[in-house]
Amino acid sequence: MNRTAGRRHASAPAYPWYWHSLLILLLVSAPIGCVKSPPASQSKGQVVLLHGLGRSDLSMVRIKAALADSGYNVIAVSYPSTQHSIEYLADRELGPALKRCCSDPDVPLHFVTHSMGGIILRFYLENHELDNLGRVVMLSPPNQGSELADWMSESPVLERLLGPWAEQLGTSPQSVPQRLGPVDFEVGIIAGDRTLNPLFSRVIPGVDDGKVAVERTKVEGMADFLVVPHTHTYIMMKDDVIAQVIHFIEHGDFYRDSTHVTVGGEAVDE
């Protein structure tokens, strides 16, 4: 395996210091649809990006740029994450988006998801077959639910404000993640172990990223697992994570042969 070659593809453009803060302000999901990058001259395949709860496709903009630079045709799906159930989002939003944007069965189809996007994809794949399914990378997925969702679902006011996700993403046997079976596709999971919200972290047992416990990101059948020193909110924007995403898509594992990741010609601490 040529790990050095894998890292050379993992370039991500630099953005102004205020860019991350601007993305966090975009708490309302963008209109339904998919934003497709121009076809690469020698595309390695397609990569579908699924954002997390309360975000939009803009939150995945750095991963999108890096994957496009690496030769992939990238499709960023945007959906109203706080307005509908996971089942609805999988069948009525993700499904039609894939038919519109990824209709060629001969082109490998990879996925990169953040947070709830991973559960939407798991639900879809448990109920639909994709003959051209490639590799999947999930960032901070609540694959076994989250105690934070349990806590929020106990408040009728919060549940009304936040939509159906709080009850659906909890840790009870009735939650969507707990009802899904083991994965039967090639998936790598990256979890964060830093938090920006001590209050939320008090609700979550063990090491967490401010929203999900590290242990609860795991799923039976996963191909590889990696913990990085980042938070749930920003994990998809970090250079080392983007480099690992591209490496997994290209090689089927995360690399651990260096304490630094080379991104855009600069060394970045893992």
C-alpha atoms as a PDB file:
ATOM      1  CA  MET A   1       0.000   0.000   0.000  1.00  0.00           C
ATOM      2  CA  ASN A   2       1.377   3.402  -0.971  1.00  0.00           C
ATOM      3  CA  ARG A   3       0.336   5.550   1.981  1.00  0.00           C
ATOM      4  CA  THR A   4       2.434   8.505   0.863  1.00  0.00           C
ATOM      5  CA  ALA A   5       0.586   8.620  -2.417  1.00  0.00           C
ATOM      6  CA  GLY A   6      -2.715   8.521  -0.547  1.00  0.00           C
ATOM      7  CA  ARG A   7      -1.748  11.564   1.482  1.00  0.00           C
ATOM      8  CA  ARG A   8      -0.678  13.571  -1.558  1.00  0.00           C
ATOM      9  CA  HIS A   9      -4.263  13.620  -2.748  1.00  0.00           C
ATOM     10  CA  ALA A  10      -5.550  15.001   0.545  1.00  0.00           C
ATOM     11  CA  SER A  11      -5.180  18.683  -0.239  1.00  0.00           C
ATOM     12  CA  ALA A  12      -7.619  21.172   1.244  1.00  0.00           C
ATOM     13  CA  PRO A  13      -7.697  24.898   0.510  1.00  0.00           C
ATOM     14  CA  ALA A  14      -7.033  27.372   3.303  1.00  0.00           C
ATOM     15  CA  TYR A  15      -9.917  29.569   4.409  1.00  0.00           C
ATOM     16  CA  PRO A  16     -10.014  32.810   6.453  1.00  0.00           C
ATOM     17  CA  TRP A  17     -10.097  32.444  10.224  1.00  0.00           C
ATOM     18  CA  TYR A  18     -13.735  33.592  10.384  1.00  0.00           C
ATOM     19  CA  TRP A  19     -15.003  30.937   7.936  1.00  0.00           C
ATOM     20  CA  HIS A  20     -15.732  28.304  10.603  1.00  0.00           C
ATOM     21  CA  SER A  21     -17.704  30.794  12.696  1.00  0.00           C
ATOM     22  CA  LEU A  22     -19.764  31.764   9.661  1.00  0.00           C
ATOM     23  CA  LEU A  23     -20.689  28.138   9.044  1.00  0.00           C
ATOM     24  CA  ILE A  24     -21.850  27.663  12.621  1.00  0.00           C
ATOM     25  CA  LEU A  25     -24.347  30.512  12.164  1.00  0.00           C
ATOM     26  CA  LEU A  26     -26.045  28.544   9.413  1.00  0.00           C
ATOM     27  CA  LEU A  27     -28.215  26.511  11.770  1.00  0.00           C
ATOM     28  CA  VAL A  28     -31.213  26.297   9.481  1.00  0.00           C
ATOM     29  CA  SER A  29     -30.959  23.692   6.772  1.00  0.00           C
ATOM     30  CA  ALA A  30     -30.641  24.852   3.200  1.00  0.00           C
ATOM     31  CA  PRO A  31     -33.333  24.093   0.625  1.00  0.00           C
ATOM     32  CA  ILE A  32     -33.725  20.469  -0.373  1.00  0.00           C
ATOM     33  CA  GLY A  33     -31.524  19.268  -3.195  1.00  0.00           C
ATOM     34  CA  CYS A  34     -27.998  18.356  -4.170  1.00  0.00           C
ATOM     35  CA  VAL A  35     -25.084  20.550  -5.156  1.00  0.00           C
ATOM     36  CA  LYS A  36     -22.946  18.774  -7.729  1.00  0.00           C
ATOM     37  CA  SER A  37     -19.360  19.651  -8.536  1.00  0.00           C
ATOM     38  CA  PRO A  38     -18.268  19.895 -12.175  1.00  0.00           C
ATOM     39  CA  PRO A  39     -17.182  16.504 -13.534  1.00  0.00           C
ATOM     40  CA  ALA A  40     -13.466  15.835 -13.093  1.00  0.00           C
ATOM     41  CA  SER A  41     -11.547  15.195 -16.303  1.00  0.00           C
ATOM     42  CA  GLN A  42     -10.501  11.776 -14.991  1.00  0.00           C
ATOM     43  CA  SER A  43     -12.960  11.118 -12.204  1.00  0.00           C
ATOM     44  CA  LYS A  44     -12.118   8.351  -9.731  1.00  0.00           C
ATOM     45  CA  GLY A  45     -15.799   8.026  -8.951  1.00  0.00           C
ATOM     46  CA  GLN A  46     -18.525   9.916  -7.145  1.00  0.00           C
ATOM     47  CA  VAL A  47     -18.637  10.920  -3.484  1.00  0.00           C
ATOM     48  CA  VAL A  48     -21.909  11.905  -1.824  1.00  0.00           C
ATOM     49  CA  LEU A  49     -21.665  14.194   1.225  1.00  0.00           C
ATOM     50  CA  LEU A  50     -24.368  14.125   3.918  1.00  0.00           C
ATOM     51  CA  HIS A  51     -24.259  16.890   6.532  1.00  0.00           C
ATOM     52  CA  GLY A  52     -25.355  16.659  10.133  1.00  0.00           C
ATOM     53  CA  LEU A  53     -28.286  17.896  12.166  1.00  0.00           C
ATOM     54  CA  GLY A  54     -29.164  21.563  11.768  1.00  0.00           C
ATOM     55  CA  ARG A  55     -26.476  22.107   9.155  1.00  0.00           C
ATOM     56  CA  SER A  56     -26.401  22.400   5.361  1.00  0.00           C
ATOM     57  CA  ASP A  57     -24.133  21.297   2.534  1.00  0.00           C
ATOM     58  CA  LEU A  58     -21.994  24.378   3.287  1.00  0.00           C
ATOM     59  CA  SER A  59     -20.686  22.667   6.418  1.00  0.00           C
ATOM     60  CA  MET A  60     -19.009  20.085   4.147  1.00  0.00           C
ATOM     61  CA  VAL A  61     -17.425  22.640   1.804  1.00  0.00           C
ATOM     62  CA  ARG A  62     -13.801  21.902   2.757  1.00  0.00           C
ATOM     63  CA  ILE A  63     -14.187  18.153   2.312  1.00  0.00           C
ATOM     64  CA  LYS A  64     -15.934  18.786  -0.977  1.00  0.00           C
ATOM     65  CA  ALA A  65     -13.080  20.946  -2.279  1.00  0.00           C
ATOM     66  CA  ALA A  66     -10.399  18.458  -1.218  1.00  0.00           C
ATOM     67  CA  LEU A  67     -12.188  15.499  -2.798  1.00  0.00           C
ATOM     68  CA  ALA A  68     -12.728  17.432  -6.028  1.00  0.00           C
ATOM     69  CA  ASP A  69      -9.026  18.342  -6.085  1.00  0.00           C
ATOM     70  CA  SER A  70      -8.257  14.645  -5.640  1.00  0.00           C
ATOM     71  CA  GLY A  71     -10.190  13.729  -8.774  1.00  0.00           C
ATOM     72  CA  TYR A  72     -13.653  12.834  -7.483  1.00  0.00           C
ATOM     73  CA  ASN A  73     -17.011  14.076  -8.668  1.00  0.00           C
ATOM     74  CA  VAL A  74     -18.596  15.358  -5.453  1.00  0.00           C
ATOM     75  CA  ILE A  75     -22.309  15.658  -4.719  1.00  0.00           C
ATOM     76  CA  ALA A  76     -23.286  17.562  -1.574  1.00  0.00           C
ATOM     77  CA  VAL A  77     -26.851  16.708  -0.565  1.00  0.00           C
ATOM     78  CA  SER A  78     -28.802  19.243   1.468  1.00  0.00           C
ATOM     79  CA  TYR A  79     -31.961  18.297   3.345  1.00  0.00           C
ATOM     80  CA  PRO A  80     -34.240  19.715   6.114  1.00  0.00           C
ATOM     81  CA  SER A  81     -32.655  17.755   8.957  1.00  0.00           C
ATOM     82  CA  THR A  82     -34.746  19.220  11.788  1.00  0.00           C
ATOM     83  CA  GLN A  83     -38.137  18.998  10.124  1.00  0.00           C
ATOM     84  CA  HIS A  84     -38.658  15.309   9.402  1.00  0.00           C
ATOM     85  CA  SER A  85     -37.985  11.832  10.724  1.00  0.00           C
ATOM     86  CA  ILE A  86     -34.885   9.869   9.748  1.00  0.00           C
ATOM     87  CA  GLU A  87     -37.070   7.443   7.804  1.00  0.00           C
ATOM     88  CA  TYR A  88     -38.580  10.310   5.808  1.00  0.00           C
ATOM     89  CA  LEU A  89     -35.207  11.900   5.120  1.00  0.00           C
ATOM     90  CA  ALA A  90     -33.756   8.602   3.916  1.00  0.00           C
ATOM     91  CA  ASP A  91     -36.647   7.618   1.650  1.00  0.00           C
ATOM     92  CA  ARG A  92     -37.984  10.973   0.506  1.00  0.00           C
ATOM     93  CA  GLU A  93     -34.849  13.116   0.388  1.00  0.00           C
ATOM     94  CA  LEU A  94     -31.709  10.983   0.057  1.00  0.00           C
ATOM     95  CA  GLY A  95     -33.269   8.417  -2.286  1.00  0.00           C
ATOM     96  CA  PRO A  96     -34.532  10.935  -4.879  1.00  0.00           C
ATOM     97  CA  ALA A  97     -31.276  12.913  -4.621  1.00  0.00           C
ATOM     98  CA  LEU A  98     -29.274   9.801  -5.505  1.00  0.00           C
ATOM     99  CA  LYS A  99     -31.509   9.142  -8.499  1.00  0.00           C
ATOM    100  CA  ARG A 100     -31.074  12.720  -9.716  1.00  0.00           C
ATOM    101  CA  CYS A 101     -27.333  13.016  -9.160  1.00  0.00           C
ATOM    102  CA  CYS A 102     -25.889   9.503  -9.182  1.00  0.00           C
ATOM    103  CA  SER A 103     -27.763   7.592 -11.850  1.00  0.00           C
ATOM    104  CA  ASP A 104     -24.776   5.874 -13.510  1.00  0.00           C
ATOM    105  CA  PRO A 105     -24.488   2.356 -12.024  1.00  0.00           C
ATOM    106  CA  ASP A 106     -21.015   1.875 -13.516  1.00  0.00           C
ATOM    107  CA  VAL A 107     -19.444   4.722 -11.514  1.00  0.00           C
ATOM    108  CA  PRO A 108     -18.291   3.847  -7.951  1.00  0.00           C
ATOM    109  CA  LEU A 109     -20.387   5.692  -5.369  1.00  0.00           C
ATOM    110  CA  HIS A 110     -18.727   6.595  -2.042  1.00  0.00           C
ATOM    111  CA  PHE A 111     -20.219   8.482   0.915  1.00  0.00           C
ATOM    112  CA  VAL A 112     -18.891  10.839   3.585  1.00  0.00           C
ATOM    113  CA  THR A 113     -21.309  11.653   6.394  1.00  0.00           C
ATOM    114  CA  HIS A 114     -21.336  13.825   9.484  1.00  0.00           C
ATOM    115  CA  SER A 115     -23.322  13.036  12.629  1.00  0.00           C
ATOM    116  CA  MET A 116     -26.990  12.251  11.839  1.00  0.00           C
ATOM    117  CA  GLY A 117     -26.113  11.962   8.144  1.00  0.00           C
ATOM    118  CA  GLY A 118     -24.526   8.605   8.955  1.00  0.00           C
ATOM    119  CA  ILE A 119     -27.758   7.272  10.471  1.00  0.00           C
ATOM    120  CA  ILE A 120     -29.779   8.466   7.492  1.00  0.00           C
ATOM    121  CA  LEU A 121     -27.383   6.614   5.199  1.00  0.00           C
ATOM    122  CA  ARG A 122     -27.461   3.454   7.324  1.00  0.00           C
ATOM    123  CA  PHE A 123     -31.258   3.433   7.278  1.00  0.00           C
ATOM    124  CA  TYR A 124     -31.306   3.938   3.520  1.00  0.00           C
ATOM    125  CA  LEU A 125     -28.768   1.183   2.832  1.00  0.00           C
ATOM    126  CA  GLU A 126     -30.587  -1.261   5.103  1.00  0.00           C
ATOM    127  CA  ASN A 127     -33.678  -0.838   2.946  1.00  0.00           C
ATOM    128  CA  HIS A 128     -32.200  -0.226  -0.523  1.00  0.00           C
ATOM    129  CA  GLU A 129     -29.417  -1.810  -2.546  1.00  0.00           C
ATOM    130  CA  LEU A 130     -26.739   0.172  -4.368  1.00  0.00           C
ATOM    131  CA  ASP A 131     -24.877  -2.063  -6.788  1.00  0.00           C
ATOM    132  CA  ASN A 132     -22.108   0.509  -7.215  1.00  0.00           C
ATOM    133  CA  LEU A 133     -21.658   1.259  -3.495  1.00  0.00           C
ATOM    134  CA  GLY A 134     -18.037   2.031  -2.700  1.00  0.00           C
ATOM    135  CA  ARG A 135     -16.590   3.047   0.658  1.00  0.00           C
ATOM    136  CA  VAL A 136     -18.160   5.104   3.435  1.00  0.00           C
ATOM    137  CA  VAL A 137     -16.564   7.408   6.003  1.00  0.00           C
ATOM    138  CA  MET A 138     -18.685   8.509   8.958  1.00  0.00           C
ATOM    139  CA  LEU A 139     -17.630  11.465  11.099  1.00  0.00           C
ATOM    140  CA  SER A 140     -18.963  11.476  14.683  1.00  0.00           C
ATOM    141  CA  PRO A 141     -21.984   9.258  13.918  1.00  0.00           C
ATOM    142  CA  PRO A 142     -24.352   8.377  16.799  1.00  0.00           C
ATOM    143  CA  ASN A 143     -24.341   4.743  15.705  1.00  0.00           C
ATOM    144  CA  GLN A 144     -25.520   3.603  19.132  1.00  0.00           C
ATOM    145  CA  GLY A 145     -27.531   6.736  19.871  1.00  0.00           C
ATOM    146  CA  SER A 146     -26.608   9.575  22.207  1.00  0.00           C
ATOM    147  CA  GLU A 147     -27.381  10.258  25.845  1.00  0.00           C
ATOM    148  CA  LEU A 148     -27.683  13.918  24.921  1.00  0.00           C
ATOM    149  CA  ALA A 149     -30.672  13.044  22.727  1.00  0.00           C
ATOM    150  CA  ASP A 150     -32.169  11.101  25.654  1.00  0.00           C
ATOM    151  CA  TRP A 151     -31.785  14.143  27.887  1.00  0.00           C
ATOM    152  CA  MET A 152     -33.355  16.531  25.377  1.00  0.00           C
ATOM    153  CA  SER A 153     -36.263  14.225  24.604  1.00  0.00           C
ATOM    154  CA  GLU A 154     -37.305  14.370  28.282  1.00  0.00           C
ATOM    155  CA  SER A 155     -38.374  17.988  27.795  1.00  0.00           C
ATOM    156  CA  PRO A 156     -41.626  18.426  25.812  1.00  0.00           C
ATOM    157  CA  VAL A 157     -40.599  22.008  25.059  1.00  0.00           C
ATOM    158  CA  LEU A 158     -37.199  21.061  23.657  1.00  0.00           C
ATOM    159  CA  GLU A 159     -38.661  18.158  21.723  1.00  0.00           C
ATOM    160  CA  ARG A 160     -41.217  20.471  20.117  1.00  0.00           C
ATOM    161  CA  LEU A 161     -38.541  23.000  19.203  1.00  0.00           C
ATOM    162  CA  LEU A 162     -35.937  20.536  17.962  1.00  0.00           C
ATOM    163  CA  GLY A 163     -38.168  18.216  15.953  1.00  0.00           C
ATOM    164  CA  PRO A 164     -38.306  14.404  15.956  1.00  0.00           C
ATOM    165  CA  TRP A 165     -34.563  13.785  16.028  1.00  0.00           C
ATOM    166  CA  ALA A 166     -34.161  13.883  19.830  1.00  0.00           C
ATOM    167  CA  GLU A 167     -36.348  10.832  20.384  1.00  0.00           C
ATOM    168  CA  GLN A 168     -35.068   9.052  17.280  1.00  0.00           C
ATOM    169  CA  LEU A 169     -31.359   9.395  18.087  1.00  0.00           C
ATOM    170  CA  GLY A 170     -31.518   8.297  21.720  1.00  0.00           C
ATOM    171  CA  THR A 171     -30.051   5.181  23.291  1.00  0.00           C
ATOM    172  CA  SER A 172     -33.280   3.261  23.916  1.00  0.00           C
ATOM    173  CA  PRO A 173     -33.966   0.020  22.035  1.00  0.00           C
ATOM    174  CA  GLN A 174     -36.677   1.862  20.096  1.00  0.00           C
ATOM    175  CA  SER A 175     -34.330   4.515  18.666  1.00  0.00           C
ATOM    176  CA  VAL A 176     -33.420   4.330  14.987  1.00  0.00           C
ATOM    177  CA  PRO A 177     -29.683   3.583  15.482  1.00  0.00           C
ATOM    178  CA  GLN A 178     -30.424   0.774  17.939  1.00  0.00           C
ATOM    179  CA  ARG A 179     -32.915  -0.832  15.538  1.00  0.00           C
ATOM    180  CA  LEU A 180     -30.430  -0.905  12.663  1.00  0.00           C
ATOM    181  CA  GLY A 181     -28.352  -4.026  12.189  1.00  0.00           C
ATOM    182  CA  PRO A 182     -24.591  -4.398  11.668  1.00  0.00           C
ATOM    183  CA  VAL A 183     -23.184  -2.714   8.577  1.00  0.00           C
ATOM    184  CA  ASP A 184     -22.502  -4.936   5.574  1.00  0.00           C
ATOM    185  CA  PHE A 185     -20.552  -2.351   3.609  1.00  0.00           C
ATOM    186  CA  GLU A 186     -17.020  -0.981   3.928  1.00  0.00           C
ATOM    187  CA  VAL A 187     -17.126   1.848   6.473  1.00  0.00           C
ATOM    188  CA  GLY A 188     -14.495   3.757   8.426  1.00  0.00           C
ATOM    189  CA  ILE A 189     -15.506   5.808  11.466  1.00  0.00           C
ATOM    190  CA  ILE A 190     -13.739   8.881  12.838  1.00  0.00           C
ATOM    191  CA  ALA A 191     -14.725  10.044  16.324  1.00  0.00           C
ATOM    192  CA  GLY A 192     -13.678  13.170  18.209  1.00  0.00           C
ATOM    193  CA  ASP A 193     -12.664  13.328  21.860  1.00  0.00           C
ATOM    194  CA  ARG A 194     -12.825  17.095  22.518  1.00  0.00           C
ATOM    195  CA  THR A 195     -15.819  19.131  23.646  1.00  0.00           C
ATOM    196  CA  LEU A 196     -16.935  22.750  23.423  1.00  0.00           C
ATOM    197  CA  ASN A 197     -19.860  22.257  25.814  1.00  0.00           C
ATOM    198  CA  PRO A 198     -19.051  21.008  29.341  1.00  0.00           C
ATOM    199  CA  LEU A 199     -22.769  20.986  30.191  1.00  0.00           C
ATOM    200  CA  PHE A 200     -23.583  18.571  27.389  1.00  0.00           C
ATOM    201  CA  SER A 201     -20.543  16.461  28.219  1.00  0.00           C
ATOM    202  CA  ARG A 202     -21.768  16.019  31.810  1.00  0.00           C
ATOM    203  CA  VAL A 203     -24.782  14.203  30.377  1.00  0.00           C
ATOM    204  CA  ILE A 204     -22.627  11.869  28.260  1.00  0.00           C
ATOM    205  CA  PRO A 205     -20.705   9.059  30.015  1.00  0.00           C
ATOM    206  CA  GLY A 206     -17.065   8.567  29.119  1.00  0.00           C
ATOM    207  CA  VAL A 207     -15.007  10.434  26.549  1.00  0.00           C
ATOM    208  CA  ASP A 208     -17.105  12.427  24.090  1.00  0.00           C
ATOM    209  CA  ASP A 209     -17.025  15.157  21.443  1.00  0.00           C
ATOM    210  CA  GLY A 210     -19.693  17.321  23.064  1.00  0.00           C
ATOM    211  CA  LYS A 211     -22.588  15.495  21.393  1.00  0.00           C
ATOM    212  CA  VAL A 212     -21.754  11.776  21.152  1.00  0.00           C
ATOM    213  CA  ALA A 213     -19.668   9.418  23.302  1.00  0.00           C
ATOM    214  CA  VAL A 214     -16.685   7.962  21.461  1.00  0.00           C
ATOM    215  CA  GLU A 215     -17.843   4.415  22.229  1.00  0.00           C
ATOM    216  CA  ARG A 216     -21.289   5.120  20.804  1.00  0.00           C
ATOM    217  CA  THR A 217     -19.903   6.080  17.406  1.00  0.00           C
ATOM    218  CA  LYS A 218     -18.836   2.481  16.784  1.00  0.00           C
ATOM    219  CA  VAL A 219     -20.897  -0.024  14.825  1.00  0.00           C
ATOM    220  CA  GLU A 220     -20.569  -3.767  14.353  1.00  0.00           C
ATOM    221  CA  GLY A 221     -18.951  -4.574  11.026  1.00  0.00           C
ATOM    222  CA  MET A 222     -16.925  -1.382  10.644  1.00  0.00           C
ATOM    223  CA  ALA A 223     -13.652  -1.743   8.724  1.00  0.00           C
ATOM    224  CA  ASP A 224     -11.605   0.807  10.702  1.00  0.00           C
ATOM    225  CA  PHE A 225     -11.957   3.234  13.592  1.00  0.00           C
ATOM    226  CA  LEU A 226     -10.007   6.358  14.509  1.00  0.00           C
ATOM    227  CA  VAL A 227     -10.190   8.893  17.349  1.00  0.00           C
ATOM    228  CA  VAL A 228      -9.011  12.463  16.685  1.00  0.00           C
ATOM    229  CA  PRO A 229      -8.626  15.472  19.027  1.00  0.00           C
ATOM    230  CA  HIS A 230     -11.544  17.455  17.604  1.00  0.00           C
ATOM    231  CA  THR A 231     -15.093  18.416  18.540  1.00  0.00           C
ATOM    232  CA  HIS A 232     -18.374  17.280  17.036  1.00  0.00           C
ATOM    233  CA  THR A 233     -19.072  20.740  15.612  1.00  0.00           C
ATOM    234  CA  TYR A 234     -15.800  21.231  13.743  1.00  0.00           C
ATOM    235  CA  ILE A 235     -14.558  17.725  12.982  1.00  0.00           C
ATOM    236  CA  MET A 236     -15.503  17.848   9.291  1.00  0.00           C
ATOM    237  CA  MET A 237     -13.462  21.038   8.774  1.00  0.00           C
ATOM    238  CA  LYS A 238     -10.119  19.775  10.094  1.00  0.00           C
ATOM    239  CA  ASP A 239      -7.239  19.110   7.695  1.00  0.00           C
ATOM    240  CA  ASP A 240      -6.110  15.861   9.325  1.00  0.00           C
ATOM    241  CA  VAL A 241      -9.665  14.495   9.210  1.00  0.00           C
ATOM    242  CA  ILE A 242     -10.065  15.447   5.550  1.00  0.00           C
ATOM    243  CA  ALA A 243      -6.776  13.699   4.774  1.00  0.00           C
ATOM    244  CA  GLN A 244      -7.965  10.558   6.558  1.00  0.00           C
ATOM    245  CA  VAL A 245     -11.306  10.656   4.706  1.00  0.00           C
ATOM    246  CA  ILE A 246      -9.559  10.641   1.340  1.00  0.00           C
ATOM    247  CA  HIS A 247      -7.121   7.942   2.455  1.00  0.00           C
ATOM    248  CA  PHE A 248      -9.935   5.620   3.536  1.00  0.00           C
ATOM    249  CA  ILE A 249     -11.862   6.123   0.296  1.00  0.00           C
ATOM    250  CA  GLU A 250      -8.744   5.291  -1.695  1.00  0.00           C
ATOM    251  CA  HIS A 251      -7.248   2.516   0.472  1.00  0.00           C
ATOM    252  CA  GLY A 252      -9.947   1.179   2.794  1.00  0.00           C
ATOM    253  CA  ASP A 253      -8.211   2.115   6.048  1.00  0.00           C
ATOM    254  CA  PHE A 254      -6.887   5.046   8.070  1.00  0.00           C
ATOM    255  CA  TYR A 255      -3.141   5.587   8.205  1.00  0.00           C
ATOM    256  CA  ARG A 256      -1.186   5.611  11.454  1.00  0.00           C
ATOM    257  CA  ASP A 257       2.428   5.612  10.272  1.00  0.00           C
ATOM    258  CA  SER A 258       3.135   9.242  11.173  1.00  0.00           C
ATOM    259  CA  THR A 259       2.381  11.729  13.921  1.00  0.00           C
ATOM    260  CA  HIS A 260       1.712  14.354  11.268  1.00  0.00           C
ATOM    261  CA  VAL A 261      -0.545  14.557   8.272  1.00  0.00           C
ATOM    262  CA  THR A 262       0.610  16.414   5.184  1.00  0.00           C
ATOM    263  CA  VAL A 263      -2.140  18.599   3.762  1.00  0.00           C
ATOM    264  CA  GLY A 264      -1.557  21.214   1.114  1.00  0.00           C
ATOM    265  CA  GLY A 265       2.216  20.990   1.619  1.00  0.00           C
ATOM    266  CA  GLU A 266       2.004  21.753   5.350  1.00  0.00           C
ATOM    267  CA  ALA A 267       2.413  19.396   8.300  1.00  0.00           C
ATOM    268  CA  VAL A 268      -0.644  19.206  10.540  1.00  0.00           C
ATOM    269  CA  ASP A 269      -0.652  17.504  13.952  1.00  0.00           C
ATOM    270  CA  GLU A 270      -2.961  14.518  14.128  1.00  0.00           C
END
